Amino acid sequence: MKSVLNQLVSSSLGAFVVLVIAATLEVLGDSYFQSGLYRSTGPTRLLWFLVGVAVLGFYGLFVNLPQWDFGRLLGAYVALFFVVAQIVARIRFQQSPTPPILVGGGLIVAGGLVITFWKA
């Protein structure tokens, strides 16, 4: 799997795909913890925590397997994380972004684009 991911992140499109998958895993893992903390009790709470631990562990492994300059891709990752978080919030928790979230998110995405594409 490591060699496949290394080959995948060698292209811009492949790196983008890996970052989207990583952001999705991280956001979902966090959402499972939120479900355990605020939306369940008893054994169901424990199940949400265990699933959250597993998904976040897989995220950590997945995002660190390829040998890439993650700092260089940080801007794109932060922007993708924001977008995926809003999608998950809408789908899992029926939460729509408010105007401050949309404006702040626009700044996050703009900053991610600057960090990713500005060649100094």
C-alpha atoms as a PDB file:
ATOM      1  CA  MET A   1       0.000   0.000   0.000  1.00  0.00           C
ATOM      2  CA  LYS A   2       2.884   2.337   0.786  1.00  0.00           C
ATOM      3  CA  SER A   3       4.316   2.124  -2.731  1.00  0.00           C
ATOM      4  CA  VAL A   4       0.878   2.682  -4.269  1.00  0.00           C
ATOM      5  CA  LEU A   5       0.345   5.802  -2.156  1.00  0.00           C
ATOM      6  CA  ASN A   6       3.855   7.089  -2.949  1.00  0.00           C
ATOM      7  CA  GLN A   7       3.150   6.686  -6.642  1.00  0.00           C
ATOM      8  CA  LEU A   8      -0.266   8.296  -6.254  1.00  0.00           C
ATOM      9  CA  VAL A   9       1.038  11.405  -4.464  1.00  0.00           C
ATOM     10  CA  SER A  10       3.728  11.905  -7.101  1.00  0.00           C
ATOM     11  CA  SER A  11       1.101  13.611  -9.272  1.00  0.00           C
ATOM     12  CA  SER A  12      -0.927  16.673  -8.298  1.00  0.00           C
ATOM     13  CA  LEU A  13      -4.228  14.931  -8.937  1.00  0.00           C
ATOM     14  CA  GLY A  14      -3.150  11.880  -6.951  1.00  0.00           C
ATOM     15  CA  ALA A  15      -2.006  14.031  -4.033  1.00  0.00           C
ATOM     16  CA  PHE A  16      -5.360  15.838  -4.121  1.00  0.00           C
ATOM     17  CA  VAL A  17      -7.225  12.501  -3.987  1.00  0.00           C
ATOM     18  CA  VAL A  18      -5.127  11.303  -1.041  1.00  0.00           C
ATOM     19  CA  LEU A  19      -5.713  14.601   0.793  1.00  0.00           C
ATOM     20  CA  VAL A  20      -9.479  14.394   0.218  1.00  0.00           C
ATOM     21  CA  ILE A  21      -9.527  10.838   1.586  1.00  0.00           C
ATOM     22  CA  ALA A  22      -7.393  11.888   4.566  1.00  0.00           C
ATOM     23  CA  ALA A  23      -9.612  14.881   5.338  1.00  0.00           C
ATOM     24  CA  THR A  24     -12.701  12.685   5.079  1.00  0.00           C
ATOM     25  CA  LEU A  25     -11.258  10.121   7.483  1.00  0.00           C
ATOM     26  CA  GLU A  26     -10.228  12.808   9.981  1.00  0.00           C
ATOM     27  CA  VAL A  27     -13.589  14.589   9.883  1.00  0.00           C
ATOM     28  CA  LEU A  28     -15.551  11.345  10.164  1.00  0.00           C
ATOM     29  CA  GLY A  29     -13.404  10.184  13.091  1.00  0.00           C
ATOM     30  CA  ASP A  30     -14.054  13.468  14.878  1.00  0.00           C
ATOM     31  CA  SER A  31     -17.771  13.249  14.124  1.00  0.00           C
ATOM     32  CA  TYR A  32     -17.913   9.780  15.667  1.00  0.00           C
ATOM     33  CA  PHE A  33     -16.447  11.173  18.885  1.00  0.00           C
ATOM     34  CA  GLN A  34     -19.046  13.932  18.845  1.00  0.00           C
ATOM     35  CA  SER A  35     -21.771  11.320  18.425  1.00  0.00           C
ATOM     36  CA  GLY A  36     -20.350   9.419  21.384  1.00  0.00           C
ATOM     37  CA  LEU A  37     -20.119  12.492  23.583  1.00  0.00           C
ATOM     38  CA  TYR A  38     -23.386  14.240  22.804  1.00  0.00           C
ATOM     39  CA  ARG A  39     -25.763  11.943  20.943  1.00  0.00           C
ATOM     40  CA  SER A  40     -25.657   8.595  22.733  1.00  0.00           C
ATOM     41  CA  THR A  41     -25.387   6.827  26.074  1.00  0.00           C
ATOM     42  CA  GLY A  42     -24.309   3.469  27.439  1.00  0.00           C
ATOM     43  CA  PRO A  43     -22.889   0.848  25.096  1.00  0.00           C
ATOM     44  CA  THR A  44     -23.702   2.962  22.027  1.00  0.00           C
ATOM     45  CA  ARG A  45     -21.465   5.726  23.382  1.00  0.00           C
ATOM     46  CA  LEU A  46     -18.589   3.270  23.779  1.00  0.00           C
ATOM     47  CA  LEU A  47     -19.157   1.974  20.248  1.00  0.00           C
ATOM     48  CA  TRP A  48     -18.942   5.516  18.804  1.00  0.00           C
ATOM     49  CA  PHE A  49     -15.682   6.102  20.709  1.00  0.00           C
ATOM     50  CA  LEU A  50     -14.176   2.836  19.462  1.00  0.00           C
ATOM     51  CA  VAL A  51     -15.165   3.581  15.863  1.00  0.00           C
ATOM     52  CA  GLY A  52     -13.735   7.099  16.241  1.00  0.00           C
ATOM     53  CA  VAL A  53     -10.428   5.726  17.534  1.00  0.00           C
ATOM     54  CA  ALA A  54     -10.232   3.222  14.678  1.00  0.00           C
ATOM     55  CA  VAL A  55     -11.032   5.776  11.965  1.00  0.00           C
ATOM     56  CA  LEU A  56      -8.624   8.393  13.360  1.00  0.00           C
ATOM     57  CA  GLY A  57      -5.927   5.721  13.680  1.00  0.00           C
ATOM     58  CA  PHE A  58      -6.465   4.724  10.063  1.00  0.00           C
ATOM     59  CA  TYR A  59      -6.353   8.411   9.068  1.00  0.00           C
ATOM     60  CA  GLY A  60      -2.990   8.823  10.843  1.00  0.00           C
ATOM     61  CA  LEU A  61      -1.555   5.792   9.109  1.00  0.00           C
ATOM     62  CA  PHE A  62      -3.007   6.703   5.714  1.00  0.00           C
ATOM     63  CA  VAL A  63      -1.817  10.320   5.716  1.00  0.00           C
ATOM     64  CA  ASN A  64       1.690   9.409   6.875  1.00  0.00           C
ATOM     65  CA  LEU A  65       2.391   6.404   4.632  1.00  0.00           C
ATOM     66  CA  PRO A  66       3.328   8.396   1.516  1.00  0.00           C
ATOM     67  CA  GLN A  67       6.670  10.139   1.603  1.00  0.00           C
ATOM     68  CA  TRP A  68       5.665  13.654   0.700  1.00  0.00           C
ATOM     69  CA  ASP A  69       6.316  17.181   1.817  1.00  0.00           C
ATOM     70  CA  PHE A  70       3.170  17.474   3.901  1.00  0.00           C
ATOM     71  CA  GLY A  71       4.076  21.023   4.955  1.00  0.00           C
ATOM     72  CA  ARG A  72       3.949  22.063   1.320  1.00  0.00           C
ATOM     73  CA  LEU A  73       0.491  20.560   0.988  1.00  0.00           C
ATOM     74  CA  LEU A  74      -0.782  21.897   4.312  1.00  0.00           C
ATOM     75  CA  GLY A  75      -2.701  24.780   2.729  1.00  0.00           C
ATOM     76  CA  ALA A  76      -4.641  22.471   0.456  1.00  0.00           C
ATOM     77  CA  TYR A  77      -5.273  20.063   3.331  1.00  0.00           C
ATOM     78  CA  VAL A  78      -6.658  22.740   5.664  1.00  0.00           C
ATOM     79  CA  ALA A  79      -8.982  24.022   2.944  1.00  0.00           C
ATOM     80  CA  LEU A  80     -10.137  20.485   2.107  1.00  0.00           C
ATOM     81  CA  PHE A  81     -10.633  19.719   5.782  1.00  0.00           C
ATOM     82  CA  PHE A  82     -12.923  22.743   6.116  1.00  0.00           C
ATOM     83  CA  VAL A  83     -14.985  21.793   3.056  1.00  0.00           C
ATOM     84  CA  VAL A  84     -15.311  18.135   4.090  1.00  0.00           C
ATOM     85  CA  ALA A  85     -16.231  19.189   7.644  1.00  0.00           C
ATOM     86  CA  GLN A  86     -19.100  21.293   6.309  1.00  0.00           C
ATOM     87  CA  ILE A  87     -20.343  18.431   4.137  1.00  0.00           C
ATOM     88  CA  VAL A  88     -20.228  15.990   7.060  1.00  0.00           C
ATOM     89  CA  ALA A  89     -21.913  18.517   9.372  1.00  0.00           C
ATOM     90  CA  ARG A  90     -24.739  18.850   6.861  1.00  0.00           C
ATOM     91  CA  ILE A  91     -25.153  15.125   6.169  1.00  0.00           C
ATOM     92  CA  ARG A  92     -24.573  13.618   9.642  1.00  0.00           C
ATOM     93  CA  PHE A  93     -25.881  16.387  11.891  1.00  0.00           C
ATOM     94  CA  GLN A  94     -28.237  18.379   9.619  1.00  0.00           C
ATOM     95  CA  GLN A  95     -26.245  21.558  10.399  1.00  0.00           C
ATOM     96  CA  SER A  96     -26.108  24.214   7.693  1.00  0.00           C
ATOM     97  CA  PRO A  97     -23.215  26.668   7.658  1.00  0.00           C
ATOM     98  CA  THR A  98     -24.060  30.125   8.948  1.00  0.00           C
ATOM     99  CA  PRO A  99     -22.872  33.317   7.215  1.00  0.00           C
ATOM    100  CA  PRO A 100     -19.852  33.660   9.566  1.00  0.00           C
ATOM    101  CA  ILE A 101     -18.844  30.078   8.795  1.00  0.00           C
ATOM    102  CA  LEU A 102     -19.177  30.707   5.058  1.00  0.00           C
ATOM    103  CA  VAL A 103     -17.141  33.935   5.216  1.00  0.00           C
ATOM    104  CA  GLY A 104     -14.485  32.426   7.485  1.00  0.00           C
ATOM    105  CA  GLY A 105     -14.443  29.298   5.349  1.00  0.00           C
ATOM    106  CA  GLY A 106     -13.938  31.433   2.260  1.00  0.00           C
ATOM    107  CA  LEU A 107     -10.887  32.941   3.949  1.00  0.00           C
ATOM    108  CA  ILE A 108      -9.618  29.472   4.864  1.00  0.00           C
ATOM    109  CA  VAL A 109     -10.017  28.281   1.278  1.00  0.00           C
ATOM    110  CA  ALA A 110      -8.398  31.466  -0.081  1.00  0.00           C
ATOM    111  CA  GLY A 111      -5.488  31.012   2.341  1.00  0.00           C
ATOM    112  CA  GLY A 112      -5.141  27.385   1.311  1.00  0.00           C
ATOM    113  CA  LEU A 113      -4.936  28.411  -2.321  1.00  0.00           C
ATOM    114  CA  VAL A 114      -2.254  31.013  -1.530  1.00  0.00           C
ATOM    115  CA  ILE A 115      -0.164  28.521   0.472  1.00  0.00           C
ATOM    116  CA  THR A 116      -0.522  25.820  -2.160  1.00  0.00           C
ATOM    117  CA  PHE A 117       0.018  27.779  -5.354  1.00  0.00           C
ATOM    118  CA  TRP A 118       2.187  30.811  -4.487  1.00  0.00           C
ATOM    119  CA  LYS A 119       5.653  30.090  -5.811  1.00  0.00           C
ATOM    120  CA  ALA A 120       8.141  32.228  -3.888  1.00  0.00           C
END
